[in-house]
Amino acid sequence: MKVNIDLKAGFLQSLKREVLATLTPEERAVIEVSTGEMGNKPDAVKLGWLKMRTGEVWTKQRYTRALKKTMDKLRAAVAREAGGKQ
């Protein structure tokens, strides 16, 4: 069973603009392609969009790794923000 999650509706909406500003252009592109309308597209469409956006060739493996790395980076930033408030 495949589960689609719209990150913009949950996780990303709660992030502060400063946290999102720390992302590189490549990381922003990966987040964009994994959320919203693009999140429901086939992988081939996502990879083509990433190539158009970044000018580099993307494989599914590279996309998957980049998404995991970016999400880990955002998770760490959120944890730091939460730790700073306490």
Protein backbone atom coordinates (compact mmCIF):
# COMPACT_ATOMS: atom_id res chain seq x y z
CA MET A 1 0.00 0.00 0.00
CA LYS A 2 1.41 3.37 -1.05
CA VAL A 3 0.89 6.34 1.24
CA ASN A 4 1.14 9.84 -0.16
CA ILE A 5 1.98 12.60 2.29
CA ASP A 6 1.68 16.26 1.40
CA LEU A 7 4.60 17.76 3.27
CA LYS A 8 3.45 21.32 2.62
CA ALA A 9 0.28 20.64 4.57
CA GLY A 10 2.15 19.51 7.65
CA PHE A 11 5.88 19.42 8.23
CA LEU A 12 7.01 22.28 6.00
CA GLN A 13 4.26 24.67 7.05
CA SER A 14 5.49 24.63 10.62
CA LEU A 15 9.05 25.56 9.66
CA LYS A 16 10.26 29.09 10.04
CA ARG A 17 11.41 30.97 6.96
CA GLU A 18 14.93 31.22 8.42
CA VAL A 19 15.20 27.42 8.56
CA LEU A 20 14.11 27.03 4.95
CA ALA A 21 16.55 29.76 3.92
CA THR A 22 19.45 27.56 5.08
CA LEU A 23 18.71 25.05 2.32
CA THR A 24 20.81 25.05 -0.84
CA PRO A 25 19.05 25.59 -4.18
CA GLU A 26 19.39 21.85 -4.89
CA GLU A 27 17.81 20.96 -1.53
CA ARG A 28 14.95 23.39 -2.19
CA ALA A 29 14.35 21.78 -5.60
CA VAL A 30 14.26 18.31 -4.01
CA ILE A 31 11.72 19.48 -1.43
CA GLU A 32 9.61 21.18 -4.11
CA VAL A 33 9.49 18.07 -6.28
CA SER A 34 8.57 15.84 -3.35
CA THR A 35 5.65 17.99 -2.17
CA GLY A 36 2.39 19.33 -3.50
CA GLU A 37 1.26 18.41 -7.00
CA MET A 38 4.70 17.11 -7.99
CA GLY A 39 4.61 14.64 -5.11
CA ASN A 40 1.87 12.71 -6.90
CA LYS A 41 3.70 12.51 -10.25
CA PRO A 42 5.66 9.47 -11.45
CA ASP A 43 9.37 9.39 -10.65
CA ALA A 44 10.33 9.97 -14.29
CA VAL A 45 8.45 13.27 -14.26
CA LYS A 46 10.09 14.30 -10.99
CA LEU A 47 13.57 13.47 -12.30
CA GLY A 48 12.90 15.41 -15.52
CA TRP A 49 11.72 18.41 -13.52
CA LEU A 50 14.83 18.25 -11.33
CA LYS A 51 17.03 18.13 -14.44
CA MET A 52 15.23 21.15 -15.86
CA ARG A 53 15.45 23.02 -12.56
CA THR A 54 19.08 22.27 -11.67
CA GLY A 55 20.63 21.59 -15.08
CA GLU A 56 22.06 18.28 -13.83
CA VAL A 57 21.17 14.66 -14.53
CA TRP A 58 19.20 13.01 -11.71
CA THR A 59 18.69 9.34 -10.98
CA LYS A 60 16.09 7.90 -8.64
CA GLN A 61 18.88 6.88 -6.27
CA ARG A 62 20.36 10.41 -6.22
CA TYR A 63 16.90 11.90 -5.67
CA THR A 64 16.14 9.48 -2.82
CA ARG A 65 19.45 10.18 -1.10
CA ALA A 66 19.08 13.95 -1.53
CA LEU A 67 15.55 13.87 -0.12
CA LYS A 68 16.65 11.83 2.92
CA LYS A 69 19.62 14.15 3.54
CA THR A 70 17.45 17.24 3.22
CA MET A 71 14.74 15.87 5.52
CA ASP A 72 17.39 14.92 8.11
CA LYS A 73 18.81 18.44 7.89
CA LEU A 74 15.35 19.96 8.39
CA ARG A 75 14.62 17.58 11.30
CA ALA A 76 17.85 18.64 13.00
CA ALA A 77 17.03 22.31 12.47
CA VAL A 78 13.56 21.85 13.96
CA ALA A 79 15.05 20.03 16.95
CA ARG A 80 17.50 22.90 17.49
CA GLU A 81 14.66 25.42 17.29
CA ALA A 82 12.59 23.43 19.78
CA GLY A 83 15.58 23.03 22.12
CA GLY A 84 16.28 26.76 22.00
CA LYS A 85 12.75 27.62 23.11
CA GLN A 86 12.92 25.59 26.29
